[in-house]
């Protein structure tokens, strides 16, 4: 689910492809209305509008994550945080349009946000004897 700038909601079905998105990687999903770039430490990756297939190494331990959108021909930063990367997790980086209260456009000039989600890979189910 991703909000649009006009306040409508868009739903996206993204297949859970463990073979393409193994543990220890970050899958960048760009649901925003802008081209996006994500930097993990010093490595940079771009994701076109609507891209859901960008999978990059995410490593382990302290990791600096930065994200920017391309607006009016310029890169505008929207996210910068130090996070702990967990090599046993599938991590998703979502770029999406940020909905703010009417009149708050001056507070949040780039109407875009970035967030991280992590999940454990599927585990085999133990069958009782």
Foldseek 3Di string as FASTA:
>chain_A
DFAAQVGDDDDDDDDPDCVLQPFQKEWEAEQAPFWKWKQKAHDIDTAGHGRGRDIGGNHFAWIWMWMWTQDPNDTHTADTDIDGRDRQKRKYKYKGFAYDDPPCCVVVVRRIHIDMDIDGPDDDDDDDD
